[in-house]
Amino acid sequence: METKKAPAKKAPAKKSPAKKMTATATKAQSKIQVKNNPKTPAKKDAAKSLSDLFEDSLKDIYWAEKALSKALPKMQKNATDPKLKQALGDHLEETKEQITRLEGCFKALNKKAEAKKCDAMQGLLDEGKSIMEETEPGAVRDAGIIAASQKVEHYEIATYGTLAAYAKILKEKECLKHLLSTLDEEKNCNNLLTKIADTNLNSKAIKA
């Protein structure tokens, strides 16, 4: 009886050198595109319009101002220079009014006043607390409190400036009025702190 031979297996087709180079180049190009154009995936509740971003930012600074209103009395208590203590006390009252203005913004938008944790402000306030713990009471701590306070002011100036720009283009006139009033106060507070530091407080800190 004749034995049938099994059919010979075909060897896998080999890619030509040209095709291999093309495939390698395509993969390399894809990696470069991903590396050069990374996109963070958006959350489900991500802002889809400028008005959404405006509202989210209002919630952010609303939380920030409330947190600052709790931190300022501690900073005032730790300050020694009379002018600095006065400036911090005055700004506490301004901050309370700024919170009311933000509530006015929410009302103008027909939205409920809602606070969303501001990581930036939390970080600045934590740093301010650390500065007070790491300095001796007196001129040195006062200089540190001014530094921490001005970082907060610069953040607020940037935030309110941006919000005012949003309100202007969105034609939210009532919000714009509130935001510009607060922006002026933040700038004035920052200038006052600079003046207090420059007059004699920093000089005292050198001699301390």
C-alpha atoms as a PDB file:
ATOM      1  CA  MET A   1       0.000   0.000   0.000  1.00  0.00           C
ATOM      2  CA  GLU A   2       1.383   3.367  -1.022  1.00  0.00           C
ATOM      3  CA  THR A   3       1.860   5.862   1.842  1.00  0.00           C
ATOM      4  CA  LYS A   4       0.654   9.400   1.110  1.00  0.00           C
ATOM      5  CA  LYS A   5       3.088  12.127   1.930  1.00  0.00           C
ATOM      6  CA  ALA A   6       1.853  15.019   4.051  1.00  0.00           C
ATOM      7  CA  PRO A   7       1.772  18.269   2.111  1.00  0.00           C
ATOM      8  CA  ALA A   8       4.817  20.409   2.786  1.00  0.00           C
ATOM      9  CA  LYS A   9       4.196  23.445   5.002  1.00  0.00           C
ATOM     10  CA  LYS A  10       4.639  26.744   3.328  1.00  0.00           C
ATOM     11  CA  ALA A  11       7.298  28.930   4.867  1.00  0.00           C
ATOM     12  CA  PRO A  12       5.901  32.274   6.140  1.00  0.00           C
ATOM     13  CA  ALA A  13       6.348  35.028   3.637  1.00  0.00           C
ATOM     14  CA  LYS A  14       9.217  37.257   4.537  1.00  0.00           C
ATOM     15  CA  LYS A  15       8.745  40.987   4.536  1.00  0.00           C
ATOM     16  CA  SER A  16      10.908  42.803   2.117  1.00  0.00           C
ATOM     17  CA  PRO A  17      13.513  45.145   3.643  1.00  0.00           C
ATOM     18  CA  ALA A  18      11.593  48.090   2.213  1.00  0.00           C
ATOM     19  CA  LYS A  19       8.329  47.063   3.948  1.00  0.00           C
ATOM     20  CA  LYS A  20      10.153  46.482   7.241  1.00  0.00           C
ATOM     21  CA  MET A  21      11.653  49.981   7.082  1.00  0.00           C
ATOM     22  CA  THR A  22       8.245  51.485   6.307  1.00  0.00           C
ATOM     23  CA  ALA A  23       6.573  49.725   9.282  1.00  0.00           C
ATOM     24  CA  THR A  24       9.391  50.749  11.626  1.00  0.00           C
ATOM     25  CA  ALA A  25       9.211  54.350  10.448  1.00  0.00           C
ATOM     26  CA  THR A  26       5.413  54.434  10.943  1.00  0.00           C
ATOM     27  CA  LYS A  27       5.698  53.143  14.535  1.00  0.00           C
ATOM     28  CA  ALA A  28       8.462  55.634  15.323  1.00  0.00           C
ATOM     29  CA  GLN A  29       6.392  58.485  13.883  1.00  0.00           C
ATOM     30  CA  SER A  30       3.365  57.469  15.982  1.00  0.00           C
ATOM     31  CA  LYS A  31       5.481  57.477  19.149  1.00  0.00           C
ATOM     32  CA  ILE A  32       6.834  60.944  18.335  1.00  0.00           C
ATOM     33  CA  GLN A  33       3.309  62.280  17.751  1.00  0.00           C
ATOM     34  CA  VAL A  34       2.078  60.909  21.104  1.00  0.00           C
ATOM     35  CA  LYS A  35       5.131  62.288  22.884  1.00  0.00           C
ATOM     36  CA  ASN A  36       4.926  65.735  21.292  1.00  0.00           C
ATOM     37  CA  ASN A  37       1.131  66.081  21.525  1.00  0.00           C
ATOM     38  CA  PRO A  38       0.034  64.569  24.839  1.00  0.00           C
ATOM     39  CA  LYS A  39      -3.610  65.319  25.610  1.00  0.00           C
ATOM     40  CA  THR A  40      -5.063  64.931  29.080  1.00  0.00           C
ATOM     41  CA  PRO A  41      -8.434  63.173  28.881  1.00  0.00           C
ATOM     42  CA  ALA A  42     -11.281  65.418  30.019  1.00  0.00           C
ATOM     43  CA  LYS A  43     -13.452  64.520  33.006  1.00  0.00           C
ATOM     44  CA  LYS A  44     -17.138  63.779  32.529  1.00  0.00           C
ATOM     45  CA  ASP A  45     -18.113  67.163  33.976  1.00  0.00           C
ATOM     46  CA  ALA A  46     -15.424  69.116  32.107  1.00  0.00           C
ATOM     47  CA  ALA A  47     -16.250  72.637  30.911  1.00  0.00           C
ATOM     48  CA  LYS A  48     -17.488  72.647  27.332  1.00  0.00           C
ATOM     49  CA  SER A  49     -17.829  76.399  26.868  1.00  0.00           C
ATOM     50  CA  LEU A  50     -16.335  79.639  28.171  1.00  0.00           C
ATOM     51  CA  SER A  51     -19.434  80.193  30.315  1.00  0.00           C
ATOM     52  CA  ASP A  52     -18.839  76.769  31.927  1.00  0.00           C
ATOM     53  CA  LEU A  53     -15.199  77.653  32.574  1.00  0.00           C
ATOM     54  CA  PHE A  54     -16.265  81.025  33.986  1.00  0.00           C
ATOM     55  CA  GLU A  55     -18.667  79.378  36.431  1.00  0.00           C
ATOM     56  CA  ASP A  56     -16.096  76.762  37.485  1.00  0.00           C
ATOM     57  CA  SER A  57     -13.512  79.488  38.085  1.00  0.00           C
ATOM     58  CA  LEU A  58     -15.973  81.449  40.214  1.00  0.00           C
ATOM     59  CA  LYS A  59     -16.508  78.356  42.381  1.00  0.00           C
ATOM     60  CA  ASP A  60     -12.728  78.031  42.699  1.00  0.00           C
ATOM     61  CA  ILE A  61     -12.084  81.596  43.874  1.00  0.00           C
ATOM     62  CA  TYR A  62     -15.190  81.504  46.095  1.00  0.00           C
ATOM     63  CA  TRP A  63     -13.597  78.618  48.007  1.00  0.00           C
ATOM     64  CA  ALA A  64     -10.260  80.446  48.009  1.00  0.00           C
ATOM     65  CA  GLU A  65     -11.680  83.634  49.540  1.00  0.00           C
ATOM     66  CA  LYS A  66     -13.502  81.682  52.247  1.00  0.00           C
ATOM     67  CA  ALA A  67     -10.308  79.825  53.122  1.00  0.00           C
ATOM     68  CA  LEU A  68      -8.365  83.101  53.184  1.00  0.00           C
ATOM     69  CA  SER A  69     -10.911  84.682  55.539  1.00  0.00           C
ATOM     70  CA  LYS A  70     -10.052  81.939  58.058  1.00  0.00           C
ATOM     71  CA  ALA A  71      -6.281  82.260  57.563  1.00  0.00           C
ATOM     72  CA  LEU A  72      -5.963  86.047  57.819  1.00  0.00           C
ATOM     73  CA  PRO A  73      -6.799  86.292  61.566  1.00  0.00           C
ATOM     74  CA  LYS A  74      -3.996  83.794  62.312  1.00  0.00           C
ATOM     75  CA  MET A  75      -1.564  85.800  60.204  1.00  0.00           C
ATOM     76  CA  GLN A  76      -2.626  89.017  61.936  1.00  0.00           C
ATOM     77  CA  LYS A  77      -2.154  87.409  65.354  1.00  0.00           C
ATOM     78  CA  ASN A  78       1.385  86.330  64.403  1.00  0.00           C
ATOM     79  CA  ALA A  79       2.372  89.724  62.995  1.00  0.00           C
ATOM     80  CA  THR A  80       4.261  92.202  65.195  1.00  0.00           C
ATOM     81  CA  ASP A  81       4.540  95.380  63.124  1.00  0.00           C
ATOM     82  CA  PRO A  82       1.500  97.638  63.818  1.00  0.00           C
ATOM     83  CA  LYS A  83       1.128  98.668  60.162  1.00  0.00           C
ATOM     84  CA  LEU A  84       1.207  95.056  59.024  1.00  0.00           C
ATOM     85  CA  LYS A  85      -1.351  94.014  61.645  1.00  0.00           C
ATOM     86  CA  GLN A  86      -3.606  96.861  60.494  1.00  0.00           C
ATOM     87  CA  ALA A  87      -3.201  95.949  56.816  1.00  0.00           C
ATOM     88  CA  LEU A  88      -4.082  92.304  57.478  1.00  0.00           C
ATOM     89  CA  GLY A  89      -7.107  93.312  59.548  1.00  0.00           C
ATOM     90  CA  ASP A  90      -8.324  95.695  56.856  1.00  0.00           C
ATOM     91  CA  HIS A  91      -7.889  93.062  54.173  1.00  0.00           C
ATOM     92  CA  LEU A  92      -9.900  90.586  56.234  1.00  0.00           C
ATOM     93  CA  GLU A  93     -12.846  92.982  56.076  1.00  0.00           C
ATOM     94  CA  GLU A  94     -12.278  93.441  52.339  1.00  0.00           C
ATOM     95  CA  THR A  95     -12.196  89.666  51.872  1.00  0.00           C
ATOM     96  CA  LYS A  96     -15.577  89.305  53.566  1.00  0.00           C
ATOM     97  CA  GLU A  97     -16.973  91.905  51.166  1.00  0.00           C
ATOM     98  CA  GLN A  98     -15.330  90.105  48.231  1.00  0.00           C
ATOM     99  CA  ILE A  99     -17.107  86.896  49.235  1.00  0.00           C
ATOM    100  CA  THR A 100     -20.396  88.811  49.155  1.00  0.00           C
ATOM    101  CA  ARG A 101     -19.555  90.144  45.695  1.00  0.00           C
ATOM    102  CA  LEU A 102     -18.883  86.641  44.416  1.00  0.00           C
ATOM    103  CA  GLU A 103     -22.273  85.584  45.747  1.00  0.00           C
ATOM    104  CA  GLY A 104     -23.654  88.517  43.751  1.00  0.00           C
ATOM    105  CA  CYS A 105     -21.979  87.089  40.649  1.00  0.00           C
ATOM    106  CA  PHE A 106     -23.640  83.709  41.167  1.00  0.00           C
ATOM    107  CA  LYS A 107     -26.973  85.444  41.659  1.00  0.00           C
ATOM    108  CA  ALA A 108     -26.522  87.443  38.437  1.00  0.00           C
ATOM    109  CA  LEU A 109     -25.876  84.147  36.626  1.00  0.00           C
ATOM    110  CA  ASN A 110     -28.963  82.573  38.240  1.00  0.00           C
ATOM    111  CA  LYS A 111     -26.687  79.987  39.823  1.00  0.00           C
ATOM    112  CA  LYS A 112     -26.380  78.755  43.380  1.00  0.00           C
ATOM    113  CA  ALA A 113     -23.235  80.029  45.143  1.00  0.00           C
ATOM    114  CA  GLU A 114     -21.045  76.962  45.330  1.00  0.00           C
ATOM    115  CA  ALA A 115     -17.436  76.532  46.458  1.00  0.00           C
ATOM    116  CA  LYS A 116     -15.029  74.116  44.810  1.00  0.00           C
ATOM    117  CA  LYS A 117     -11.700  73.443  46.508  1.00  0.00           C
ATOM    118  CA  CYS A 118      -8.929  75.611  45.098  1.00  0.00           C
ATOM    119  CA  ASP A 119      -5.696  73.595  45.230  1.00  0.00           C
ATOM    120  CA  ALA A 120      -3.610  76.671  44.395  1.00  0.00           C
ATOM    121  CA  MET A 121      -4.903  78.678  47.354  1.00  0.00           C
ATOM    122  CA  GLN A 122      -4.623  75.676  49.657  1.00  0.00           C
ATOM    123  CA  GLY A 123      -0.963  75.368  48.687  1.00  0.00           C
ATOM    124  CA  LEU A 124      -0.294  79.074  49.256  1.00  0.00           C
ATOM    125  CA  LEU A 125      -1.969  79.043  52.672  1.00  0.00           C
ATOM    126  CA  ASP A 126      -0.070  75.900  53.681  1.00  0.00           C
ATOM    127  CA  GLU A 127       3.152  77.624  52.687  1.00  0.00           C
ATOM    128  CA  GLY A 128       2.199  80.684  54.737  1.00  0.00           C
ATOM    129  CA  LYS A 129       1.603  78.482  57.770  1.00  0.00           C
ATOM    130  CA  SER A 130       4.994  76.828  57.289  1.00  0.00           C
ATOM    131  CA  ILE A 131       6.710  80.216  57.050  1.00  0.00           C
ATOM    132  CA  MET A 132       5.240  81.263  60.396  1.00  0.00           C
ATOM    133  CA  GLU A 133       6.376  77.998  62.000  1.00  0.00           C
ATOM    134  CA  GLU A 134       9.883  78.366  60.583  1.00  0.00           C
ATOM    135  CA  THR A 135      10.516  81.995  61.674  1.00  0.00           C
ATOM    136  CA  GLU A 136      11.025  83.654  65.035  1.00  0.00           C
ATOM    137  CA  PRO A 137       8.296  86.122  66.089  1.00  0.00           C
ATOM    138  CA  GLY A 138       9.212  89.711  65.255  1.00  0.00           C
ATOM    139  CA  ALA A 139      10.608  91.401  62.158  1.00  0.00           C
ATOM    140  CA  VAL A 140      11.739  88.151  60.510  1.00  0.00           C
ATOM    141  CA  ARG A 141       8.315  86.534  60.829  1.00  0.00           C
ATOM    142  CA  ASP A 142       6.690  89.768  59.657  1.00  0.00           C
ATOM    143  CA  ALA A 143       8.858  89.701  56.520  1.00  0.00           C
ATOM    144  CA  GLY A 144       7.790  86.102  55.938  1.00  0.00           C
ATOM    145  CA  ILE A 145       4.113  86.937  56.439  1.00  0.00           C
ATOM    146  CA  ILE A 146       4.375  89.718  53.862  1.00  0.00           C
ATOM    147  CA  ALA A 147       6.035  87.339  51.388  1.00  0.00           C
ATOM    148  CA  ALA A 148       3.301  84.750  51.888  1.00  0.00           C
ATOM    149  CA  SER A 149       0.557  87.395  51.692  1.00  0.00           C
ATOM    150  CA  GLN A 150       1.883  88.852  48.465  1.00  0.00           C
ATOM    151  CA  LYS A 151       1.991  85.418  46.837  1.00  0.00           C
ATOM    152  CA  VAL A 152      -1.701  85.149  47.682  1.00  0.00           C
ATOM    153  CA  GLU A 153      -2.363  88.642  46.317  1.00  0.00           C
ATOM    154  CA  HIS A 154      -0.555  87.913  43.065  1.00  0.00           C
ATOM    155  CA  TYR A 155      -2.627  84.754  42.607  1.00  0.00           C
ATOM    156  CA  GLU A 156      -5.840  86.673  43.285  1.00  0.00           C
ATOM    157  CA  ILE A 157      -4.862  89.501  40.930  1.00  0.00           C
ATOM    158  CA  ALA A 158      -4.256  86.984  38.140  1.00  0.00           C
ATOM    159  CA  THR A 159      -7.523  85.177  38.898  1.00  0.00           C
ATOM    160  CA  TYR A 160      -9.750  88.239  39.087  1.00  0.00           C
ATOM    161  CA  GLY A 161      -8.104  89.737  35.995  1.00  0.00           C
ATOM    162  CA  THR A 162      -8.906  86.568  34.046  1.00  0.00           C
ATOM    163  CA  LEU A 163     -12.464  86.367  35.402  1.00  0.00           C
ATOM    164  CA  ALA A 164     -13.073  90.002  34.481  1.00  0.00           C
ATOM    165  CA  ALA A 165     -11.900  89.267  30.932  1.00  0.00           C
ATOM    166  CA  TYR A 166     -14.319  86.325  30.742  1.00  0.00           C
ATOM    167  CA  ALA A 167     -17.193  88.395  32.138  1.00  0.00           C
ATOM    168  CA  LYS A 168     -16.527  91.139  29.583  1.00  0.00           C
ATOM    169  CA  ILE A 169     -16.639  88.843  26.557  1.00  0.00           C
ATOM    170  CA  LEU A 170     -19.654  86.962  27.969  1.00  0.00           C
ATOM    171  CA  LYS A 171     -21.398  90.323  28.478  1.00  0.00           C
ATOM    172  CA  GLU A 172     -22.005  89.626  32.168  1.00  0.00           C
ATOM    173  CA  LYS A 173     -22.029  93.289  33.201  1.00  0.00           C
ATOM    174  CA  GLU A 174     -23.079  92.768  36.820  1.00  0.00           C
ATOM    175  CA  CYS A 175     -20.334  90.198  37.365  1.00  0.00           C
ATOM    176  CA  LEU A 176     -17.785  92.426  35.629  1.00  0.00           C
ATOM    177  CA  LYS A 177     -18.577  95.294  38.008  1.00  0.00           C
ATOM    178  CA  HIS A 178     -18.090  93.071  41.066  1.00  0.00           C
ATOM    179  CA  LEU A 179     -14.891  91.494  39.746  1.00  0.00           C
ATOM    180  CA  LEU A 180     -13.251  94.809  38.821  1.00  0.00           C
ATOM    181  CA  SER A 181     -13.998  96.224  42.275  1.00  0.00           C
ATOM    182  CA  THR A 182     -12.282  93.257  43.905  1.00  0.00           C
ATOM    183  CA  LEU A 183      -9.377  93.385  41.441  1.00  0.00           C
ATOM    184  CA  ASP A 184      -8.680  97.003  42.454  1.00  0.00           C
ATOM    185  CA  GLU A 185      -8.689  96.043  46.143  1.00  0.00           C
ATOM    186  CA  GLU A 186      -6.247  93.183  45.566  1.00  0.00           C
ATOM    187  CA  LYS A 187      -3.857  95.468  43.683  1.00  0.00           C
ATOM    188  CA  ASN A 188      -4.059  98.118  46.409  1.00  0.00           C
ATOM    189  CA  CYS A 189      -3.405  95.533  49.121  1.00  0.00           C
ATOM    190  CA  ASN A 190      -0.368  94.223  47.280  1.00  0.00           C
ATOM    191  CA  ASN A 191       1.016  97.746  46.861  1.00  0.00           C
ATOM    192  CA  LEU A 192       0.473  98.473  50.553  1.00  0.00           C
ATOM    193  CA  LEU A 193       2.324  95.319  51.596  1.00  0.00           C
ATOM    194  CA  THR A 194       5.234  96.298  49.344  1.00  0.00           C
ATOM    195  CA  LYS A 195       5.308  99.741  50.951  1.00  0.00           C
ATOM    196  CA  ILE A 196       5.293  98.293  54.486  1.00  0.00           C
ATOM    197  CA  ALA A 197       8.145  95.936  53.612  1.00  0.00           C
ATOM    198  CA  ASP A 198      10.203  98.603  51.845  1.00  0.00           C
ATOM    199  CA  THR A 199       9.885 101.351  54.455  1.00  0.00           C
ATOM    200  CA  ASN A 200      11.607  99.714  57.410  1.00  0.00           C
ATOM    201  CA  LEU A 201      10.361  96.211  58.048  1.00  0.00           C
ATOM    202  CA  ASN A 202      12.912  94.397  55.843  1.00  0.00           C
ATOM    203  CA  SER A 203      15.693  96.522  57.332  1.00  0.00           C
ATOM    204  CA  LYS A 204      14.657  95.447  60.820  1.00  0.00           C
ATOM    205  CA  ALA A 205      14.686  91.818  59.706  1.00  0.00           C
ATOM    206  CA  ILE A 206      18.355  92.133  58.664  1.00  0.00           C
ATOM    207  CA  LYS A 207      19.315  93.312  62.149  1.00  0.00           C
ATOM    208  CA  ALA A 208      17.171  90.771  63.984  1.00  0.00           C
END
